[in-house]
Amino acid sequence: MNRHFRVVTALMLLGWLNTAWALSDLTIPADSLATSITATAPCDFTYSFNVCNEGVDSYNGAVELYLWFDPGMVSLACPNVDPPDTILGLSNTFPPGYCEVISDTWLGLAQGDHSIVAMVDGSCAVLEVNEDNNTRNIPTACQPADLY
C-alpha cells in the first residue's frame, strides 16, 4: 500500500477529510503491448501504451510517460531517479475514465529478447489513489526470418 493512500485513508477514518473527496489514479493497464513489424534482425518494434485515469477525480496538469529500452536494473520507485531513454508528454487533462494511447516505434533491435519499461508520472508529481500501478514491463523478441 503506498504512502499517499495510507495518509488519505487515515485522514478519512479520523473524519478530517470529507469522504466525497477523491483522487485521480493514473495507470498503464495490462492491455499495453509491443509488436514486431519486421521479421528479420535488425527488428523494428511498434509499442503502444494506454495511460488511463482509473480514479474518480480529474487530473489537470502535465503528465509524462518515461520509457526505458532494455533497461536492466531500473529503479521503479517513486520518484524515479534513473534517467529514462525517452520522455513523452501527454494531455494536460485526464478526466475519470479517460485513456490516452501513446504509440511509437523502437528501431534497429538486434536478434534476441528485449523489454520496454514504461512509467507514468515518474516524478511522482500527481497525488494518486494508487502509486503502485504506474509501471508496465513489456517483453519483446526479435526472431530470425523464416527461410522457408
N, C-alpha and C. Protein backbone atom coordinates (compact mmCIF):
# COMPACT_ATOMS: atom_id res chain seq x y z
N MET A 1 0.85 -1.17 0.00
CA MET A 1 0.00 0.00 0.00
C MET A 1 0.90 1.23 0.00
N ASN A 2 0.63 2.21 -0.87
CA ASN A 2 1.52 3.36 -0.95
C ASN A 2 1.19 4.39 0.13
N ARG A 3 2.13 5.29 0.34
CA ARG A 3 2.01 6.23 1.46
C ARG A 3 0.87 7.24 1.26
N HIS A 4 0.60 7.67 0.02
CA HIS A 4 -0.50 8.62 -0.21
C HIS A 4 -1.83 7.98 0.17
N PHE A 5 -2.02 6.73 -0.23
CA PHE A 5 -3.26 6.04 0.07
C PHE A 5 -3.42 5.88 1.58
N ARG A 6 -2.33 5.53 2.28
CA ARG A 6 -2.40 5.36 3.74
C ARG A 6 -2.75 6.67 4.42
N VAL A 7 -2.17 7.77 3.96
CA VAL A 7 -2.44 9.07 4.58
C VAL A 7 -3.89 9.47 4.34
N VAL A 8 -4.37 9.33 3.11
CA VAL A 8 -5.75 9.68 2.80
C VAL A 8 -6.71 8.80 3.59
N THR A 9 -6.44 7.51 3.65
CA THR A 9 -7.29 6.59 4.39
C THR A 9 -7.32 6.96 5.87
N ALA A 10 -6.16 7.25 6.45
CA ALA A 10 -6.10 7.62 7.86
C ALA A 10 -6.89 8.89 8.13
N LEU A 11 -6.74 9.89 7.26
CA LEU A 11 -7.47 11.14 7.44
C LEU A 11 -8.98 10.93 7.32
N MET A 12 -9.38 10.06 6.38
CA MET A 12 -10.81 9.78 6.23
C MET A 12 -11.36 9.08 7.47
N LEU A 13 -10.59 8.12 7.99
CA LEU A 13 -11.03 7.41 9.18
C LEU A 13 -11.14 8.34 10.38
N LEU A 14 -10.26 9.31 10.45
CA LEU A 14 -10.29 10.26 11.55
C LEU A 14 -11.36 11.35 11.34
N GLY A 15 -11.98 11.34 10.17
CA GLY A 15 -13.02 12.33 9.90
C GLY A 15 -12.48 13.68 9.49
N TRP A 16 -11.18 13.76 9.16
CA TRP A 16 -10.59 15.03 8.79
C TRP A 16 -10.74 15.33 7.31
N LEU A 17 -11.13 14.34 6.53
CA LEU A 17 -11.36 14.55 5.11
C LEU A 17 -12.80 14.16 4.80
N ASN A 18 -13.43 14.94 3.99
CA ASN A 18 -14.75 14.59 3.51
C ASN A 18 -14.63 13.33 2.66
N THR A 19 -15.42 12.32 2.93
CA THR A 19 -15.29 11.06 2.20
C THR A 19 -15.67 11.21 0.73
N ALA A 20 -16.32 12.30 0.35
CA ALA A 20 -16.63 12.52 -1.06
C ALA A 20 -15.39 12.98 -1.82
N TRP A 21 -14.36 13.44 -1.10
CA TRP A 21 -13.13 13.89 -1.74
C TRP A 21 -12.42 12.68 -2.32
N ALA A 22 -11.93 12.78 -3.53
CA ALA A 22 -11.29 11.64 -4.18
C ALA A 22 -10.05 12.11 -4.92
N LEU A 23 -9.29 11.14 -5.38
CA LEU A 23 -8.05 11.41 -6.11
C LEU A 23 -8.12 10.79 -7.49
N SER A 24 -7.24 11.29 -8.35
CA SER A 24 -7.07 10.64 -9.64
C SER A 24 -6.20 9.41 -9.44
N ASP A 25 -6.14 8.57 -10.45
CA ASP A 25 -5.30 7.37 -10.40
C ASP A 25 -4.79 7.07 -11.80
N LEU A 26 -3.63 7.64 -12.14
CA LEU A 26 -3.03 7.40 -13.44
C LEU A 26 -2.41 6.01 -13.45
N THR A 27 -2.62 5.27 -14.53
CA THR A 27 -2.13 3.90 -14.61
C THR A 27 -1.82 3.52 -16.05
N ILE A 28 -1.03 2.46 -16.20
CA ILE A 28 -0.78 1.86 -17.50
C ILE A 28 -1.40 0.47 -17.44
N PRO A 29 -2.60 0.27 -18.03
CA PRO A 29 -3.28 -1.02 -17.93
C PRO A 29 -2.51 -2.15 -18.61
N ALA A 30 -2.89 -3.36 -18.28
CA ALA A 30 -2.22 -4.56 -18.78
C ALA A 30 -2.38 -4.76 -20.27
N ASP A 31 -3.32 -4.06 -20.93
CA ASP A 31 -3.52 -4.26 -22.35
C ASP A 31 -2.53 -3.48 -23.21
N SER A 32 -1.54 -2.84 -22.61
CA SER A 32 -0.47 -2.20 -23.37
C SER A 32 0.37 -3.30 -24.01
N LEU A 33 0.94 -3.03 -25.18
CA LEU A 33 1.64 -4.09 -25.87
C LEU A 33 2.74 -3.57 -26.77
N ALA A 34 3.57 -4.50 -27.24
CA ALA A 34 4.59 -4.21 -28.25
C ALA A 34 4.52 -5.32 -29.28
N THR A 35 4.61 -4.97 -30.56
CA THR A 35 4.56 -5.98 -31.61
C THR A 35 5.68 -5.73 -32.61
N SER A 36 6.22 -6.80 -33.17
CA SER A 36 7.25 -6.69 -34.19
C SER A 36 6.60 -6.31 -35.51
N ILE A 37 7.21 -5.37 -36.22
CA ILE A 37 6.69 -5.04 -37.55
C ILE A 37 7.66 -5.49 -38.63
N THR A 38 8.77 -6.12 -38.26
CA THR A 38 9.66 -6.74 -39.23
C THR A 38 10.03 -8.12 -38.72
N ALA A 39 10.40 -9.01 -39.63
CA ALA A 39 10.66 -10.39 -39.24
C ALA A 39 12.15 -10.71 -39.15
N THR A 40 12.98 -9.85 -39.64
CA THR A 40 14.42 -10.15 -39.63
C THR A 40 15.16 -9.15 -38.78
N ALA A 41 16.29 -9.60 -38.24
CA ALA A 41 17.12 -8.70 -37.46
C ALA A 41 17.86 -7.78 -38.44
N PRO A 42 18.05 -6.52 -38.19
CA PRO A 42 17.53 -5.82 -37.01
C PRO A 42 16.02 -5.62 -37.13
N CYS A 43 15.36 -5.65 -36.01
CA CYS A 43 13.89 -5.53 -35.97
C CYS A 43 13.48 -4.13 -35.56
N ASP A 44 12.31 -3.76 -36.02
CA ASP A 44 11.65 -2.55 -35.57
C ASP A 44 10.40 -2.99 -34.82
N PHE A 45 10.19 -2.44 -33.63
CA PHE A 45 9.03 -2.81 -32.83
C PHE A 45 8.13 -1.60 -32.66
N THR A 46 6.86 -1.81 -32.90
CA THR A 46 5.88 -0.79 -32.58
C THR A 46 5.33 -1.11 -31.21
N TYR A 47 5.34 -0.13 -30.32
CA TYR A 47 4.79 -0.33 -28.99
C TYR A 47 3.66 0.66 -28.78
N SER A 48 2.74 0.27 -27.94
CA SER A 48 1.57 1.08 -27.66
C SER A 48 1.24 0.97 -26.18
N PHE A 49 1.21 2.09 -25.50
CA PHE A 49 0.86 2.12 -24.08
C PHE A 49 -0.42 2.92 -23.90
N ASN A 50 -1.34 2.36 -23.15
CA ASN A 50 -2.53 3.09 -22.74
C ASN A 50 -2.23 3.72 -21.39
N VAL A 51 -2.46 5.00 -21.27
CA VAL A 51 -2.33 5.69 -19.99
C VAL A 51 -3.72 6.17 -19.62
N CYS A 52 -4.21 5.72 -18.48
CA CYS A 52 -5.60 5.97 -18.09
C CYS A 52 -5.69 6.59 -16.70
N ASN A 53 -6.78 7.29 -16.46
CA ASN A 53 -7.12 7.75 -15.13
C ASN A 53 -8.22 6.84 -14.61
N GLU A 54 -7.88 5.92 -13.74
CA GLU A 54 -8.85 5.00 -13.16
C GLU A 54 -9.42 5.51 -11.85
N GLY A 55 -9.08 6.74 -11.49
CA GLY A 55 -9.63 7.34 -10.27
C GLY A 55 -10.99 7.95 -10.53
N VAL A 56 -11.53 8.60 -9.53
CA VAL A 56 -12.84 9.22 -9.65
C VAL A 56 -12.75 10.74 -9.69
N ASP A 57 -11.53 11.26 -9.76
CA ASP A 57 -11.33 12.70 -9.82
C ASP A 57 -10.47 13.01 -11.05
N SER A 58 -10.70 14.15 -11.68
CA SER A 58 -9.89 14.56 -12.81
C SER A 58 -8.51 14.98 -12.36
N TYR A 59 -7.56 14.82 -13.27
CA TYR A 59 -6.24 15.39 -13.04
C TYR A 59 -5.98 16.40 -14.14
N ASN A 60 -5.63 17.62 -13.76
CA ASN A 60 -5.31 18.67 -14.71
C ASN A 60 -3.89 19.13 -14.43
N GLY A 61 -3.01 18.87 -15.35
CA GLY A 61 -1.60 19.24 -15.21
C GLY A 61 -0.76 18.39 -16.13
N ALA A 62 0.50 18.70 -16.20
CA ALA A 62 1.41 17.98 -17.10
C ALA A 62 1.57 16.53 -16.64
N VAL A 63 1.51 15.61 -17.59
CA VAL A 63 1.74 14.19 -17.32
C VAL A 63 2.80 13.72 -18.30
N GLU A 64 3.77 12.97 -17.79
CA GLU A 64 4.84 12.46 -18.64
C GLU A 64 4.88 10.94 -18.57
N LEU A 65 5.25 10.32 -19.69
CA LEU A 65 5.45 8.88 -19.75
C LEU A 65 6.94 8.66 -19.95
N TYR A 66 7.59 7.97 -18.99
CA TYR A 66 9.01 7.64 -19.08
C TYR A 66 9.15 6.28 -19.74
N LEU A 67 10.11 6.14 -20.65
CA LEU A 67 10.36 4.86 -21.31
C LEU A 67 11.83 4.48 -21.21
N TRP A 68 12.06 3.20 -20.93
CA TRP A 68 13.40 2.63 -20.94
C TRP A 68 13.39 1.45 -21.90
N PHE A 69 14.44 1.33 -22.73
CA PHE A 69 14.56 0.23 -23.67
C PHE A 69 15.69 -0.68 -23.20
N ASP A 70 15.39 -1.95 -22.97
CA ASP A 70 16.36 -2.90 -22.41
C ASP A 70 17.02 -2.31 -21.16
N PRO A 71 16.23 -2.04 -20.15
CA PRO A 71 16.74 -1.25 -19.03
C PRO A 71 17.67 -1.95 -18.06
N GLY A 72 17.72 -3.27 -18.04
CA GLY A 72 18.49 -3.92 -16.98
C GLY A 72 17.83 -3.62 -15.65
N MET A 73 18.58 -3.16 -14.69
CA MET A 73 18.05 -2.85 -13.36
C MET A 73 17.68 -1.37 -13.30
N VAL A 74 16.41 -1.08 -13.39
CA VAL A 74 15.90 0.29 -13.28
C VAL A 74 15.09 0.37 -12.01
N SER A 75 15.34 1.40 -11.22
CA SER A 75 14.54 1.60 -10.01
C SER A 75 13.20 2.17 -10.42
N LEU A 76 12.14 1.46 -10.08
CA LEU A 76 10.80 1.96 -10.39
C LEU A 76 10.15 2.58 -9.17
N ALA A 77 10.99 2.94 -8.20
CA ALA A 77 10.49 3.63 -7.01
C ALA A 77 10.08 5.05 -7.39
N CYS A 78 9.26 5.62 -6.57
CA CYS A 78 8.77 6.96 -6.82
C CYS A 78 9.39 7.94 -5.82
N PRO A 79 9.99 9.03 -6.21
CA PRO A 79 10.22 9.44 -7.59
C PRO A 79 11.38 8.65 -8.21
N ASN A 80 11.30 8.48 -9.54
CA ASN A 80 12.30 7.70 -10.23
C ASN A 80 13.55 8.54 -10.44
N VAL A 81 14.71 7.94 -10.16
CA VAL A 81 15.96 8.67 -10.28
C VAL A 81 16.79 8.20 -11.47
N ASP A 82 16.39 7.09 -12.12
CA ASP A 82 17.10 6.60 -13.30
C ASP A 82 16.63 7.38 -14.52
N PRO A 83 17.56 8.08 -15.22
CA PRO A 83 17.10 8.86 -16.37
C PRO A 83 16.51 7.94 -17.45
N PRO A 84 15.31 8.24 -17.92
CA PRO A 84 14.70 7.41 -18.96
C PRO A 84 15.36 7.64 -20.31
N ASP A 85 15.19 6.68 -21.22
CA ASP A 85 15.69 6.83 -22.58
C ASP A 85 14.85 7.84 -23.35
N THR A 86 13.57 7.90 -23.04
CA THR A 86 12.63 8.80 -23.73
C THR A 86 11.60 9.29 -22.73
N ILE A 87 11.22 10.55 -22.85
CA ILE A 87 10.10 11.10 -22.08
C ILE A 87 9.09 11.63 -23.07
N LEU A 88 7.87 11.14 -22.98
CA LEU A 88 6.80 11.59 -23.87
C LEU A 88 5.78 12.39 -23.07
N GLY A 89 5.39 13.52 -23.60
CA GLY A 89 4.37 14.33 -22.94
C GLY A 89 2.97 13.87 -23.32
N LEU A 90 2.06 13.93 -22.39
CA LEU A 90 0.68 13.51 -22.61
C LEU A 90 -0.24 14.70 -22.45
N SER A 91 -1.53 14.46 -22.60
CA SER A 91 -2.53 15.52 -22.43
C SER A 91 -2.40 16.15 -21.05
N ASN A 92 -2.90 17.36 -20.94
CA ASN A 92 -2.87 18.05 -19.65
C ASN A 92 -4.17 17.87 -18.88
N THR A 93 -5.13 17.15 -19.43
CA THR A 93 -6.39 16.90 -18.73
C THR A 93 -6.72 15.42 -18.81
N PHE A 94 -6.86 14.78 -17.66
CA PHE A 94 -7.24 13.37 -17.56
C PHE A 94 -8.49 13.25 -16.70
N PRO A 95 -9.69 13.36 -17.31
CA PRO A 95 -10.90 13.16 -16.51
C PRO A 95 -11.03 11.70 -16.11
N PRO A 96 -11.87 11.38 -15.13
CA PRO A 96 -12.06 9.98 -14.73
C PRO A 96 -12.47 9.12 -15.93
N GLY A 97 -11.83 7.97 -16.07
CA GLY A 97 -12.13 7.05 -17.15
C GLY A 97 -11.45 7.36 -18.47
N TYR A 98 -10.76 8.49 -18.56
CA TYR A 98 -10.10 8.88 -19.81
C TYR A 98 -8.82 8.07 -20.00
N CYS A 99 -8.60 7.61 -21.24
CA CYS A 99 -7.36 6.92 -21.59
C CYS A 99 -6.74 7.60 -22.80
N GLU A 100 -5.45 7.65 -22.84
CA GLU A 100 -4.72 8.18 -23.98
C GLU A 100 -3.75 7.11 -24.45
N VAL A 101 -3.72 6.86 -25.75
CA VAL A 101 -2.84 5.84 -26.33
C VAL A 101 -1.59 6.52 -26.87
N ILE A 102 -0.44 6.02 -26.45
CA ILE A 102 0.84 6.51 -26.93
C ILE A 102 1.49 5.38 -27.72
N SER A 103 1.79 5.63 -28.99
CA SER A 103 2.43 4.62 -29.84
C SER A 103 3.66 5.21 -30.49
N ASP A 104 4.65 4.37 -30.70
CA ASP A 104 5.87 4.78 -31.37
C ASP A 104 6.58 3.51 -31.83
N THR A 105 7.71 3.66 -32.47
CA THR A 105 8.47 2.51 -32.96
C THR A 105 9.89 2.58 -32.43
N TRP A 106 10.37 1.46 -31.94
CA TRP A 106 11.75 1.29 -31.46
C TRP A 106 12.49 0.62 -32.61
N LEU A 107 13.47 1.30 -33.18
CA LEU A 107 14.13 0.88 -34.41
C LEU A 107 15.44 0.13 -34.18
N GLY A 108 15.72 -0.83 -35.06
CA GLY A 108 17.04 -1.44 -35.15
C GLY A 108 17.44 -2.37 -34.03
N LEU A 109 16.52 -3.18 -33.53
CA LEU A 109 16.87 -4.12 -32.47
C LEU A 109 17.65 -5.31 -33.01
N ALA A 110 18.60 -5.75 -32.26
CA ALA A 110 19.34 -6.96 -32.60
C ALA A 110 18.47 -8.18 -32.32
N GLN A 111 18.82 -9.31 -32.90
CA GLN A 111 18.09 -10.55 -32.64
C GLN A 111 18.19 -10.90 -31.16
N GLY A 112 17.08 -11.39 -30.59
CA GLY A 112 17.05 -11.81 -29.19
C GLY A 112 15.89 -11.22 -28.44
N ASP A 113 15.92 -11.37 -27.13
CA ASP A 113 14.86 -10.89 -26.26
C ASP A 113 15.16 -9.47 -25.79
N HIS A 114 14.12 -8.67 -25.70
CA HIS A 114 14.23 -7.28 -25.28
C HIS A 114 13.04 -6.94 -24.39
N SER A 115 13.10 -5.77 -23.75
CA SER A 115 11.95 -5.31 -22.98
C SER A 115 11.85 -3.79 -23.04
N ILE A 116 10.63 -3.33 -22.94
CA ILE A 116 10.33 -1.91 -22.86
C ILE A 116 9.63 -1.70 -21.52
N VAL A 117 10.15 -0.78 -20.72
CA VAL A 117 9.53 -0.46 -19.44
C VAL A 117 8.98 0.96 -19.53
N ALA A 118 7.72 1.13 -19.15
CA ALA A 118 7.07 2.44 -19.16
C ALA A 118 6.63 2.79 -17.75
N MET A 119 6.71 4.08 -17.42
CA MET A 119 6.27 4.57 -16.12
C MET A 119 5.58 5.91 -16.32
N VAL A 120 4.33 6.00 -15.92
CA VAL A 120 3.62 7.27 -15.97
C VAL A 120 3.83 7.99 -14.64
N ASP A 121 3.97 9.30 -14.70
CA ASP A 121 4.20 10.11 -13.50
C ASP A 121 5.45 9.66 -12.75
N GLY A 122 6.54 9.50 -13.49
CA GLY A 122 7.81 9.06 -12.89
C GLY A 122 8.38 10.03 -11.87
N SER A 123 7.98 11.29 -11.95
CA SER A 123 8.45 12.27 -10.96
C SER A 123 7.55 12.30 -9.74
N CYS A 124 6.47 11.51 -9.76
CA CYS A 124 5.53 11.41 -8.64
C CYS A 124 4.92 12.76 -8.27
N ALA A 125 4.63 13.55 -9.29
CA ALA A 125 4.04 14.87 -9.06
C ALA A 125 2.53 14.80 -8.83
N VAL A 126 1.90 13.69 -9.28
CA VAL A 126 0.45 13.56 -9.19
C VAL A 126 0.10 12.79 -7.93
N LEU A 127 -0.71 13.39 -7.05
CA LEU A 127 -1.20 12.69 -5.87
C LEU A 127 -2.27 11.72 -6.33
N GLU A 128 -2.03 10.42 -6.13
CA GLU A 128 -2.92 9.39 -6.67
C GLU A 128 -3.43 8.46 -5.58
N VAL A 129 -4.53 7.79 -5.90
CA VAL A 129 -5.08 6.77 -5.02
C VAL A 129 -4.09 5.62 -4.90
N ASN A 130 -3.46 5.24 -6.01
CA ASN A 130 -2.55 4.09 -6.03
C ASN A 130 -1.32 4.42 -6.86
N GLU A 131 -0.18 4.57 -6.22
CA GLU A 131 1.08 4.85 -6.93
C GLU A 131 1.72 3.56 -7.45
N ASP A 132 1.18 2.40 -7.07
CA ASP A 132 1.82 1.13 -7.41
C ASP A 132 1.40 0.58 -8.77
N ASN A 133 0.55 1.29 -9.52
CA ASN A 133 0.12 0.79 -10.82
C ASN A 133 0.60 1.69 -11.96
N ASN A 134 1.71 2.37 -11.75
CA ASN A 134 2.20 3.34 -12.72
C ASN A 134 3.23 2.78 -13.70
N THR A 135 3.57 1.50 -13.60
CA THR A 135 4.60 0.94 -14.47
C THR A 135 4.09 -0.28 -15.22
N ARG A 136 4.72 -0.54 -16.34
CA ARG A 136 4.41 -1.73 -17.13
C ARG A 136 5.70 -2.14 -17.84
N ASN A 137 6.01 -3.43 -17.79
CA ASN A 137 7.16 -4.01 -18.49
C ASN A 137 6.61 -4.88 -19.61
N ILE A 138 7.01 -4.58 -20.83
CA ILE A 138 6.52 -5.35 -21.97
C ILE A 138 7.70 -6.07 -22.62
N PRO A 139 7.75 -7.41 -22.51
CA PRO A 139 8.81 -8.15 -23.16
C PRO A 139 8.57 -8.23 -24.67
N THR A 140 9.63 -8.20 -25.44
CA THR A 140 9.57 -8.33 -26.90
C THR A 140 10.68 -9.27 -27.34
N ALA A 141 10.59 -9.74 -28.57
CA ALA A 141 11.64 -10.61 -29.11
C ALA A 141 11.81 -10.34 -30.59
N CYS A 142 13.05 -10.32 -31.03
CA CYS A 142 13.38 -10.18 -32.44
C CYS A 142 13.90 -11.55 -32.90
N GLN A 143 13.15 -12.19 -33.78
CA GLN A 143 13.48 -13.54 -34.23
C GLN A 143 14.07 -13.50 -35.65
N PRO A 144 14.89 -14.51 -35.97
CA PRO A 144 15.41 -14.58 -37.34
C PRO A 144 14.29 -14.85 -38.33
N ALA A 145 14.50 -14.46 -39.57
CA ALA A 145 13.49 -14.66 -40.61
C ALA A 145 13.28 -16.14 -40.88
N ASP A 146 12.05 -16.49 -41.25
CA ASP A 146 11.74 -17.84 -41.68
C ASP A 146 12.32 -18.02 -43.08
N LEU A 147 13.16 -19.02 -43.27
CA LEU A 147 13.79 -19.21 -44.57
C LEU A 147 12.96 -20.09 -45.49
N TYR A 148 11.85 -20.60 -45.02
CA TYR A 148 11.03 -21.49 -45.84
C TYR A 148 9.78 -20.81 -46.32
